[in-house]
Every structure is written in C-alpha cells, then in structure tokens.
Amino acid sequence: MDSPESQVHVPTGSPHAALARFLTESGALDARLFAEFTGLAAVRRWAPLGSHLVRLGFLTLSDLARLLGLQAADPGRRIGDLAVEEGLCTPDQLRLAIEEQARTAPGPLDLLVGDPRVEQGALLRALVQYVHFLEGRLAGRAASAVGARGAAADRCASGAGDAGDAGASLMRREPPASW
C-alpha cells in the first residue's frame, strides 16, 4: 500500500515539479508539506513589478508604458532598474515595490523558508544540491551546443571524435541516485 506521502501529487507540468521531486526524494521535505506550500503559492497571484509600482503610486500608467517601450528595445533590462535610471522612482521605492511583490505573491520556497515545520538546514543542503544539479545541466547543454557547432573543426584539428561530447559528460552533474 502507498504511503500518504506518495499519494500527494504535484502536477508534472508545474514549474515546481522538478524541485518538489528533488526536495522530497532527498528527504529534505515531506511531499504533503510541499504540496501545501505549492497550493498556497498558486492561490496568491503573481503580478509584475510594474503593476506594484503603479498600485503603490510610484509610477503612472504612462510611466509604465514608456518603461515597457524601453524594455522592448532592450529585453535584458528590468523594469525596476529602468524606472530608477529614468528618474521615475527612487531606489527605496523600488525596494518597497519588490518587497510588496514578494509579500503578496510568494512562491513555494518563499513560504518554506522560515516555516517552523521545515528543518531549515536540510532544506538549505537540498537546495544547494539542486542548484549544482541545474548548473550541471546548463553546462552540459552549453557544452553540447558548442560541441555540435564545432564538431567538424574538432575532428579535423585533433583527428579524434567530437570533443564537445567529452566536455559535456565531464561537466554534467547527476541528480540523486533515485532520479
């Protein structure tokens, strides 16, 4: 018979599914508790920072429209940074809006950190492992992409196989054995 923890399900398509699996399989968190926090986070709707800046009276809708135009021209720029650079709000006002955004629509991790039912040391250790796992996956993808582009040149220069594949396997970090 299944344990109560194994009956709790975070939807596979959820942005939190991999994290939930990692935290529960590492033993850092009970699946029911993660599902509870994921549900709480889903109830509170996230809103973009610009909405908070307008709602708090730090920007007008015209200001926000102008900033969105600037951001469209340079998508790597963040609205809050642009607002401060353009003199539309102060760094303190930006900080208040970010705090408001985090308070009104926290994610599951925001809710887990500091909760007395969660052993914070185990959570931190599992999150560090998860970050290393993600770094390894990203490094592996980057190495594979470089290897694929330069495979012909690598073979000609070294007379060997695809160096990108070797680099990708060296940089890839694996998740816990239970994955």
N, C-alpha and C. Protein backbone atom coordinates (compact mmCIF):
# COMPACT_ATOMS: atom_id res chain seq x y z
N MET A 1 0.84 -1.18 0.00
CA MET A 1 0.00 0.00 0.00
C MET A 1 0.89 1.24 0.00
N ASP A 2 0.47 2.27 -0.75
CA ASP A 2 1.24 3.51 -0.84
C ASP A 2 1.21 4.26 0.47
N SER A 3 2.33 4.92 0.79
CA SER A 3 2.36 5.78 1.97
C SER A 3 1.58 7.05 1.65
N PRO A 4 1.09 7.77 2.65
CA PRO A 4 0.37 9.01 2.39
C PRO A 4 1.21 10.00 1.59
N GLU A 5 2.53 10.04 1.82
CA GLU A 5 3.37 10.98 1.09
C GLU A 5 3.39 10.67 -0.40
N SER A 6 3.39 9.39 -0.77
CA SER A 6 3.47 9.05 -2.17
C SER A 6 2.16 9.32 -2.90
N GLN A 7 1.07 9.52 -2.16
CA GLN A 7 -0.21 9.81 -2.78
C GLN A 7 -0.37 11.29 -3.12
N VAL A 8 0.48 12.15 -2.57
CA VAL A 8 0.43 13.58 -2.86
C VAL A 8 1.10 13.79 -4.21
N HIS A 9 0.46 14.59 -5.04
CA HIS A 9 0.98 14.76 -6.39
C HIS A 9 1.09 16.23 -6.74
N VAL A 10 2.29 16.68 -7.13
CA VAL A 10 2.48 17.99 -7.71
C VAL A 10 2.42 17.76 -9.21
N PRO A 11 1.56 18.48 -9.94
CA PRO A 11 1.41 18.24 -11.38
C PRO A 11 2.75 18.26 -12.11
N THR A 12 2.92 17.30 -13.02
CA THR A 12 4.18 17.16 -13.75
C THR A 12 4.51 18.42 -14.53
N GLY A 13 3.52 19.08 -15.09
CA GLY A 13 3.75 20.29 -15.86
C GLY A 13 4.00 21.51 -15.01
N SER A 14 3.87 21.38 -13.71
CA SER A 14 4.07 22.51 -12.81
C SER A 14 5.51 22.97 -12.85
N PRO A 15 5.73 24.30 -12.76
CA PRO A 15 7.13 24.76 -12.72
C PRO A 15 7.86 24.29 -11.48
N HIS A 16 7.11 23.80 -10.50
CA HIS A 16 7.71 23.36 -9.25
C HIS A 16 7.89 21.85 -9.17
N ALA A 17 7.50 21.13 -10.22
CA ALA A 17 7.52 19.67 -10.17
C ALA A 17 8.91 19.10 -9.92
N ALA A 18 9.91 19.56 -10.67
CA ALA A 18 11.27 19.03 -10.50
C ALA A 18 11.82 19.37 -9.12
N LEU A 19 11.55 20.57 -8.67
CA LEU A 19 12.02 20.96 -7.34
C LEU A 19 11.33 20.13 -6.26
N ALA A 20 10.03 19.92 -6.39
CA ALA A 20 9.30 19.11 -5.41
C ALA A 20 9.87 17.70 -5.36
N ARG A 21 10.12 17.14 -6.51
CA ARG A 21 10.68 15.79 -6.58
C ARG A 21 12.06 15.75 -5.92
N PHE A 22 12.87 16.73 -6.22
CA PHE A 22 14.23 16.78 -5.66
C PHE A 22 14.18 16.91 -4.14
N LEU A 23 13.37 17.83 -3.64
CA LEU A 23 13.30 18.06 -2.19
C LEU A 23 12.73 16.86 -1.45
N THR A 24 11.71 16.22 -2.01
CA THR A 24 11.10 15.08 -1.32
C THR A 24 11.98 13.84 -1.41
N GLU A 25 12.60 13.61 -2.58
CA GLU A 25 13.45 12.43 -2.72
C GLU A 25 14.76 12.56 -1.96
N SER A 26 15.19 13.80 -1.71
CA SER A 26 16.42 13.98 -0.93
C SER A 26 16.12 13.84 0.56
N GLY A 27 14.84 13.80 0.92
CA GLY A 27 14.45 13.67 2.31
C GLY A 27 14.38 15.00 3.05
N ALA A 28 14.59 16.10 2.34
CA ALA A 28 14.58 17.41 2.98
C ALA A 28 13.17 17.88 3.31
N LEU A 29 12.19 17.33 2.62
CA LEU A 29 10.83 17.84 2.77
C LEU A 29 9.81 16.75 2.52
N ASP A 30 8.78 16.77 3.30
CA ASP A 30 7.66 15.87 3.13
C ASP A 30 6.84 16.33 1.91
N ALA A 31 6.41 15.39 1.07
CA ALA A 31 5.66 15.72 -0.14
C ALA A 31 4.36 16.46 0.18
N ARG A 32 3.70 16.07 1.25
CA ARG A 32 2.45 16.76 1.61
C ARG A 32 2.70 18.23 1.95
N LEU A 33 3.78 18.51 2.64
CA LEU A 33 4.10 19.88 3.02
C LEU A 33 4.42 20.71 1.77
N PHE A 34 5.19 20.13 0.85
CA PHE A 34 5.48 20.87 -0.38
C PHE A 34 4.21 21.14 -1.16
N ALA A 35 3.33 20.15 -1.24
CA ALA A 35 2.06 20.35 -1.94
C ALA A 35 1.23 21.45 -1.28
N GLU A 36 1.26 21.50 0.03
CA GLU A 36 0.54 22.57 0.76
C GLU A 36 1.09 23.94 0.37
N PHE A 37 2.41 24.08 0.38
CA PHE A 37 3.00 25.37 0.06
C PHE A 37 2.82 25.72 -1.41
N THR A 38 2.86 24.74 -2.30
CA THR A 38 2.61 25.00 -3.71
C THR A 38 1.18 25.48 -3.91
N GLY A 39 0.24 24.88 -3.20
CA GLY A 39 -1.15 25.32 -3.27
C GLY A 39 -1.34 26.73 -2.76
N LEU A 40 -0.68 27.08 -1.65
CA LEU A 40 -0.77 28.44 -1.13
C LEU A 40 -0.19 29.44 -2.11
N ALA A 41 0.91 29.08 -2.74
CA ALA A 41 1.54 29.99 -3.69
C ALA A 41 0.65 30.18 -4.92
N ALA A 42 -0.04 29.13 -5.35
CA ALA A 42 -0.91 29.22 -6.52
C ALA A 42 -2.12 30.10 -6.26
N VAL A 43 -2.61 30.12 -5.02
CA VAL A 43 -3.78 30.94 -4.69
C VAL A 43 -3.44 32.42 -4.79
N ARG A 44 -2.25 32.77 -4.40
CA ARG A 44 -1.82 34.16 -4.45
C ARG A 44 -1.23 34.43 -5.83
N ARG A 45 -1.89 35.26 -6.57
CA ARG A 45 -1.47 35.53 -7.95
C ARG A 45 -0.27 36.47 -8.01
N TRP A 46 0.71 36.07 -8.78
CA TRP A 46 1.88 36.89 -9.00
C TRP A 46 1.51 38.04 -9.94
N ALA A 47 2.05 39.20 -9.70
CA ALA A 47 1.84 40.36 -10.57
C ALA A 47 3.21 40.96 -10.90
N PRO A 48 3.37 41.45 -12.11
CA PRO A 48 4.66 42.04 -12.49
C PRO A 48 5.00 43.24 -11.62
N LEU A 49 6.28 43.51 -11.50
CA LEU A 49 6.74 44.59 -10.65
C LEU A 49 6.14 45.93 -11.07
N GLY A 50 6.01 46.15 -12.36
CA GLY A 50 5.43 47.41 -12.84
C GLY A 50 4.04 47.64 -12.27
N SER A 51 3.25 46.58 -12.13
CA SER A 51 1.91 46.71 -11.55
C SER A 51 1.98 47.18 -10.11
N HIS A 52 2.94 46.66 -9.37
CA HIS A 52 3.11 47.08 -7.98
C HIS A 52 3.57 48.53 -7.90
N LEU A 53 4.47 48.93 -8.79
CA LEU A 53 4.94 50.32 -8.79
C LEU A 53 3.79 51.29 -9.06
N VAL A 54 2.88 50.91 -9.97
CA VAL A 54 1.71 51.75 -10.27
C VAL A 54 0.75 51.74 -9.09
N ARG A 55 0.45 50.56 -8.57
CA ARG A 55 -0.51 50.44 -7.47
C ARG A 55 -0.07 51.21 -6.24
N LEU A 56 1.24 51.23 -5.99
CA LEU A 56 1.76 51.95 -4.83
C LEU A 56 1.89 53.46 -5.09
N GLY A 57 1.61 53.89 -6.32
CA GLY A 57 1.66 55.31 -6.65
C GLY A 57 3.04 55.82 -7.00
N PHE A 58 4.00 54.93 -7.24
CA PHE A 58 5.36 55.34 -7.58
C PHE A 58 5.50 55.63 -9.07
N LEU A 59 4.63 55.03 -9.90
CA LEU A 59 4.62 55.27 -11.34
C LEU A 59 3.18 55.52 -11.78
N THR A 60 3.03 56.23 -12.89
CA THR A 60 1.71 56.35 -13.53
C THR A 60 1.65 55.28 -14.61
N LEU A 61 0.46 55.06 -15.15
CA LEU A 61 0.34 54.11 -16.26
C LEU A 61 1.14 54.59 -17.46
N SER A 62 1.20 55.90 -17.67
CA SER A 62 2.01 56.45 -18.77
C SER A 62 3.49 56.15 -18.56
N ASP A 63 3.94 56.31 -17.32
CA ASP A 63 5.34 55.98 -16.99
C ASP A 63 5.63 54.52 -17.30
N LEU A 64 4.73 53.65 -16.86
CA LEU A 64 4.93 52.22 -17.07
C LEU A 64 4.95 51.89 -18.56
N ALA A 65 4.05 52.50 -19.33
CA ALA A 65 4.02 52.26 -20.78
C ALA A 65 5.34 52.68 -21.41
N ARG A 66 5.86 53.82 -20.99
CA ARG A 66 7.15 54.29 -21.51
C ARG A 66 8.27 53.31 -21.16
N LEU A 67 8.28 52.84 -19.91
CA LEU A 67 9.31 51.88 -19.48
C LEU A 67 9.20 50.57 -20.25
N LEU A 68 7.99 50.12 -20.50
CA LEU A 68 7.80 48.88 -21.26
C LEU A 68 8.32 49.03 -22.69
N GLY A 69 8.16 50.23 -23.24
CA GLY A 69 8.73 50.51 -24.57
C GLY A 69 10.25 50.44 -24.55
N LEU A 70 10.85 51.03 -23.52
CA LEU A 70 12.31 50.95 -23.37
C LEU A 70 12.76 49.51 -23.20
N GLN A 71 12.00 48.76 -22.41
CA GLN A 71 12.36 47.36 -22.17
C GLN A 71 12.23 46.53 -23.45
N ALA A 72 11.22 46.85 -24.27
CA ALA A 72 11.04 46.11 -25.53
C ALA A 72 12.25 46.29 -26.44
N ALA A 73 12.85 47.47 -26.40
CA ALA A 73 14.03 47.73 -27.21
C ALA A 73 15.27 47.03 -26.66
N ASP A 74 15.26 46.72 -25.38
CA ASP A 74 16.40 46.07 -24.72
C ASP A 74 15.85 45.07 -23.70
N PRO A 75 15.40 43.89 -24.17
CA PRO A 75 14.69 42.94 -23.30
C PRO A 75 15.46 42.45 -22.08
N GLY A 76 16.74 42.61 -22.04
CA GLY A 76 17.51 42.18 -20.87
C GLY A 76 17.39 43.14 -19.69
N ARG A 77 16.83 44.28 -19.92
CA ARG A 77 16.72 45.29 -18.86
C ARG A 77 15.49 45.02 -18.01
N ARG A 78 15.60 45.27 -16.72
CA ARG A 78 14.49 45.06 -15.79
C ARG A 78 13.76 46.37 -15.57
N ILE A 79 12.44 46.27 -15.44
CA ILE A 79 11.58 47.44 -15.29
C ILE A 79 12.02 48.30 -14.11
N GLY A 80 12.28 47.69 -12.97
CA GLY A 80 12.67 48.45 -11.79
C GLY A 80 13.95 49.23 -12.01
N ASP A 81 14.94 48.59 -12.63
CA ASP A 81 16.19 49.29 -12.92
C ASP A 81 15.95 50.46 -13.87
N LEU A 82 15.14 50.23 -14.88
CA LEU A 82 14.82 51.30 -15.82
C LEU A 82 14.11 52.46 -15.12
N ALA A 83 13.17 52.15 -14.24
CA ALA A 83 12.42 53.19 -13.53
C ALA A 83 13.35 54.08 -12.72
N VAL A 84 14.32 53.47 -12.05
CA VAL A 84 15.28 54.25 -11.26
C VAL A 84 16.19 55.06 -12.19
N GLU A 85 16.71 54.42 -13.24
CA GLU A 85 17.62 55.11 -14.17
C GLU A 85 16.94 56.29 -14.85
N GLU A 86 15.65 56.15 -15.14
CA GLU A 86 14.90 57.23 -15.80
C GLU A 86 14.42 58.28 -14.81
N GLY A 87 14.70 58.09 -13.53
CA GLY A 87 14.31 59.06 -12.51
C GLY A 87 12.82 59.04 -12.18
N LEU A 88 12.15 57.93 -12.50
CA LEU A 88 10.71 57.83 -12.25
C LEU A 88 10.38 57.34 -10.85
N CYS A 89 11.34 56.68 -10.22
CA CYS A 89 11.17 56.28 -8.82
C CYS A 89 12.55 56.20 -8.18
N THR A 90 12.56 56.15 -6.88
CA THR A 90 13.82 56.10 -6.14
C THR A 90 14.19 54.64 -5.87
N PRO A 91 15.44 54.37 -5.54
CA PRO A 91 15.82 53.01 -5.15
C PRO A 91 14.99 52.50 -3.96
N ASP A 92 14.69 53.38 -3.01
CA ASP A 92 13.86 52.96 -1.86
C ASP A 92 12.45 52.58 -2.29
N GLN A 93 11.88 53.34 -3.22
CA GLN A 93 10.54 53.00 -3.72
C GLN A 93 10.57 51.66 -4.46
N LEU A 94 11.62 51.44 -5.24
CA LEU A 94 11.77 50.16 -5.93
C LEU A 94 11.86 49.02 -4.92
N ARG A 95 12.66 49.19 -3.88
CA ARG A 95 12.79 48.16 -2.85
C ARG A 95 11.44 47.86 -2.21
N LEU A 96 10.66 48.91 -1.90
CA LEU A 96 9.32 48.71 -1.31
C LEU A 96 8.41 47.93 -2.25
N ALA A 97 8.47 48.24 -3.54
CA ALA A 97 7.63 47.53 -4.51
C ALA A 97 8.04 46.06 -4.62
N ILE A 98 9.34 45.79 -4.60
CA ILE A 98 9.81 44.41 -4.66
C ILE A 98 9.38 43.65 -3.40
N GLU A 99 9.48 44.28 -2.25
CA GLU A 99 9.02 43.65 -1.01
C GLU A 99 7.53 43.36 -1.06
N GLU A 100 6.76 44.30 -1.59
CA GLU A 100 5.31 44.12 -1.74
C GLU A 100 5.01 42.95 -2.67
N GLN A 101 5.75 42.88 -3.77
CA GLN A 101 5.55 41.78 -4.72
C GLN A 101 5.83 40.43 -4.05
N ALA A 102 6.91 40.34 -3.30
CA ALA A 102 7.25 39.08 -2.62
C ALA A 102 6.23 38.74 -1.53
N ARG A 103 5.72 39.76 -0.84
CA ARG A 103 4.78 39.51 0.25
C ARG A 103 3.39 39.11 -0.27
N THR A 104 2.95 39.70 -1.37
CA THR A 104 1.61 39.42 -1.86
C THR A 104 1.52 38.17 -2.73
N ALA A 105 2.63 37.74 -3.29
CA ALA A 105 2.59 36.56 -4.14
C ALA A 105 3.86 35.74 -4.00
N PRO A 106 4.08 35.19 -2.82
CA PRO A 106 5.30 34.40 -2.63
C PRO A 106 5.23 33.06 -3.35
N GLY A 107 6.38 32.57 -3.74
CA GLY A 107 6.45 31.24 -4.31
C GLY A 107 6.57 30.21 -3.19
N PRO A 108 6.52 28.92 -3.53
CA PRO A 108 6.61 27.89 -2.50
C PRO A 108 7.87 28.01 -1.64
N LEU A 109 9.00 28.35 -2.24
CA LEU A 109 10.23 28.47 -1.45
C LEU A 109 10.16 29.64 -0.49
N ASP A 110 9.54 30.74 -0.93
CA ASP A 110 9.38 31.88 -0.02
C ASP A 110 8.60 31.46 1.22
N LEU A 111 7.61 30.60 1.03
CA LEU A 111 6.78 30.16 2.14
C LEU A 111 7.49 29.13 3.01
N LEU A 112 8.33 28.29 2.39
CA LEU A 112 9.03 27.24 3.13
C LEU A 112 10.13 27.78 4.04
N VAL A 113 10.85 28.78 3.55
CA VAL A 113 11.97 29.33 4.32
C VAL A 113 11.41 30.00 5.57
N GLY A 114 11.85 29.55 6.70
CA GLY A 114 11.41 30.13 7.96
C GLY A 114 10.22 29.45 8.59
N ASP A 115 9.56 28.54 7.88
CA ASP A 115 8.42 27.83 8.46
C ASP A 115 8.94 26.87 9.52
N PRO A 116 8.36 26.89 10.72
CA PRO A 116 8.88 26.04 11.80
C PRO A 116 8.73 24.54 11.54
N ARG A 117 7.88 24.15 10.62
CA ARG A 117 7.72 22.72 10.32
C ARG A 117 8.79 22.19 9.38
N VAL A 118 9.61 23.08 8.84
CA VAL A 118 10.64 22.69 7.88
C VAL A 118 12.00 22.81 8.54
N GLU A 119 12.78 21.71 8.49
CA GLU A 119 14.13 21.73 9.04
C GLU A 119 14.98 22.53 8.06
N GLN A 120 15.34 23.75 8.45
CA GLN A 120 15.97 24.70 7.55
C GLN A 120 17.34 24.22 7.05
N GLY A 121 18.11 23.55 7.88
CA GLY A 121 19.41 23.04 7.45
C GLY A 121 19.27 22.03 6.32
N ALA A 122 18.36 21.09 6.47
CA ALA A 122 18.13 20.08 5.43
C ALA A 122 17.62 20.73 4.14
N LEU A 123 16.74 21.73 4.29
CA LEU A 123 16.22 22.44 3.12
C LEU A 123 17.36 23.14 2.39
N LEU A 124 18.21 23.83 3.13
CA LEU A 124 19.33 24.54 2.52
C LEU A 124 20.28 23.58 1.81
N ARG A 125 20.61 22.47 2.47
CA ARG A 125 21.51 21.49 1.83
C ARG A 125 20.90 20.95 0.54
N ALA A 126 19.61 20.64 0.56
CA ALA A 126 18.95 20.12 -0.64
C ALA A 126 18.89 21.17 -1.74
N LEU A 127 18.66 22.42 -1.38
CA LEU A 127 18.61 23.48 -2.38
C LEU A 127 19.98 23.71 -3.02
N VAL A 128 21.04 23.62 -2.22
CA VAL A 128 22.39 23.75 -2.77
C VAL A 128 22.65 22.62 -3.76
N GLN A 129 22.26 21.39 -3.40
CA GLN A 129 22.42 20.26 -4.32
C GLN A 129 21.62 20.49 -5.60
N TYR A 130 20.42 21.01 -5.46
CA TYR A 130 19.56 21.26 -6.62
C TYR A 130 20.18 22.31 -7.54
N VAL A 131 20.75 23.36 -6.97
CA VAL A 131 21.40 24.39 -7.77
C VAL A 131 22.59 23.79 -8.52
N HIS A 132 23.38 22.95 -7.86
CA HIS A 132 24.51 22.30 -8.53
C HIS A 132 24.02 21.39 -9.65
N PHE A 133 22.93 20.69 -9.41
CA PHE A 133 22.35 19.83 -10.45
C PHE A 133 21.95 20.67 -11.66
N LEU A 134 21.26 21.81 -11.41
CA LEU A 134 20.84 22.68 -12.52
C LEU A 134 22.04 23.27 -13.24
N GLU A 135 23.06 23.69 -12.50
CA GLU A 135 24.27 24.21 -13.12
C GLU A 135 24.89 23.17 -14.05
N GLY A 136 24.93 21.94 -13.58
CA GLY A 136 25.48 20.87 -14.39
C GLY A 136 24.69 20.64 -15.67
N ARG A 137 23.37 20.69 -15.55
CA ARG A 137 22.52 20.52 -16.74
C ARG A 137 22.76 21.66 -17.73
N LEU A 138 22.85 22.88 -17.23
CA LEU A 138 23.09 24.02 -18.12
C LEU A 138 24.47 23.93 -18.76
N ALA A 139 25.46 23.57 -17.98
CA ALA A 139 26.82 23.44 -18.53
C ALA A 139 26.86 22.33 -19.58
N GLY A 140 26.15 21.24 -19.32
CA GLY A 140 26.10 20.15 -20.28
C GLY A 140 25.45 20.57 -21.58
N ARG A 141 24.37 21.35 -21.47
CA ARG A 141 23.69 21.84 -22.69
C ARG A 141 24.59 22.78 -23.45
N ALA A 142 25.28 23.68 -22.74
CA ALA A 142 26.17 24.63 -23.40
C ALA A 142 27.31 23.90 -24.09
N ALA A 143 27.88 22.92 -23.41
CA ALA A 143 28.98 22.16 -24.00
C ALA A 143 28.51 21.37 -25.20
N SER A 144 27.30 20.82 -25.13
CA SER A 144 26.76 20.06 -26.26
C SER A 144 26.53 20.97 -27.45
N ALA A 145 26.03 22.18 -27.19
CA ALA A 145 25.79 23.12 -28.27
C ALA A 145 27.10 23.54 -28.92
N VAL A 146 28.11 23.83 -28.11
CA VAL A 146 29.42 24.20 -28.63
C VAL A 146 30.01 23.00 -29.38
N GLY A 147 29.87 21.83 -28.81
CA GLY A 147 30.40 20.62 -29.45
C GLY A 147 29.75 20.35 -30.78
N ALA A 148 28.43 20.57 -30.86
CA ALA A 148 27.71 20.32 -32.11
C ALA A 148 28.16 21.30 -33.18
N ARG A 149 28.35 22.57 -32.80
CA ARG A 149 28.77 23.57 -33.79
C ARG A 149 30.21 23.34 -34.24
N GLY A 150 31.04 22.92 -33.32
CA GLY A 150 32.45 22.81 -33.66
C GLY A 150 32.92 21.38 -33.90
N ALA A 151 32.00 20.44 -34.02
CA ALA A 151 32.38 19.03 -34.13
C ALA A 151 33.28 18.77 -35.33
N ALA A 152 32.93 19.34 -36.47
CA ALA A 152 33.73 19.09 -37.67
C ALA A 152 35.13 19.68 -37.51
N ALA A 153 35.20 20.88 -36.96
CA ALA A 153 36.51 21.53 -36.76
C ALA A 153 37.33 20.74 -35.74
N ASP A 154 36.70 20.26 -34.68
CA ASP A 154 37.42 19.48 -33.67
C ASP A 154 38.00 18.21 -34.28
N ARG A 155 37.19 17.53 -35.09
CA ARG A 155 37.67 16.28 -35.69
C ARG A 155 38.84 16.53 -36.63
N CYS A 156 38.76 17.60 -37.41
CA CYS A 156 39.84 17.92 -38.33
C CYS A 156 41.11 18.29 -37.58
N ALA A 157 40.96 19.09 -36.54
CA ALA A 157 42.14 19.58 -35.80
C ALA A 157 42.81 18.50 -34.98
N SER A 158 42.02 17.60 -34.39
CA SER A 158 42.62 16.64 -33.47
C SER A 158 42.68 15.23 -34.03
N GLY A 159 41.94 15.01 -35.07
CA GLY A 159 41.88 13.67 -35.61
C GLY A 159 41.08 12.74 -34.73
N ALA A 160 40.40 13.27 -33.70
CA ALA A 160 39.64 12.45 -32.76
C ALA A 160 38.15 12.67 -32.97
N GLY A 161 37.37 12.12 -32.04
CA GLY A 161 35.91 12.28 -32.07
C GLY A 161 35.51 13.66 -31.61
N ASP A 162 34.24 13.84 -31.38
CA ASP A 162 33.65 15.12 -31.00
C ASP A 162 34.06 15.51 -29.58
N ALA A 163 34.91 16.51 -29.44
CA ALA A 163 35.37 16.97 -28.13
C ALA A 163 34.23 17.53 -27.30
N GLY A 164 33.21 18.06 -27.97
CA GLY A 164 32.07 18.62 -27.24
C GLY A 164 31.37 17.57 -26.40
N ASP A 165 31.29 16.33 -26.91
CA ASP A 165 30.63 15.28 -26.14
C ASP A 165 31.40 14.96 -24.87
N ALA A 166 32.73 14.93 -24.97
CA ALA A 166 33.53 14.64 -23.78
C ALA A 166 33.38 15.76 -22.76
N GLY A 167 33.43 17.00 -23.22
CA GLY A 167 33.27 18.12 -22.31
C GLY A 167 31.92 18.11 -21.64
N ALA A 168 30.89 17.77 -22.40
CA ALA A 168 29.54 17.75 -21.83
C ALA A 168 29.44 16.70 -20.75
N SER A 169 30.05 15.51 -20.96
CA SER A 169 29.92 14.47 -19.95
C SER A 169 30.75 14.80 -18.71
N LEU A 170 31.88 15.51 -18.88
CA LEU A 170 32.68 15.89 -17.72
C LEU A 170 31.98 16.93 -16.86
N MET A 171 31.21 17.84 -17.50
CA MET A 171 30.58 18.92 -16.75
C MET A 171 29.21 18.54 -16.20
N ARG A 172 28.63 17.47 -16.68
CA ARG A 172 27.29 17.11 -16.25
C ARG A 172 27.32 16.56 -14.84
N ARG A 173 26.48 17.09 -13.98
CA ARG A 173 26.34 16.58 -12.62
C ARG A 173 25.03 15.84 -12.55
N GLU A 174 25.03 14.74 -11.88
CA GLU A 174 23.84 13.92 -11.82
C GLU A 174 23.02 14.20 -10.58
N PRO A 175 21.71 14.02 -10.67
CA PRO A 175 20.85 14.19 -9.50
C PRO A 175 21.00 13.01 -8.57
N PRO A 176 20.30 13.01 -7.43
CA PRO A 176 20.37 11.87 -6.53
C PRO A 176 20.08 10.57 -7.27
N ALA A 177 20.64 9.48 -6.80
CA ALA A 177 20.52 8.18 -7.46
C ALA A 177 19.08 7.78 -7.68
N SER A 178 18.15 8.27 -6.87
CA SER A 178 16.76 7.86 -7.01
C SER A 178 16.07 8.49 -8.22
N TRP A 179 16.73 9.44 -8.91
CA TRP A 179 16.10 10.07 -10.06
C TRP A 179 16.16 9.18 -11.24
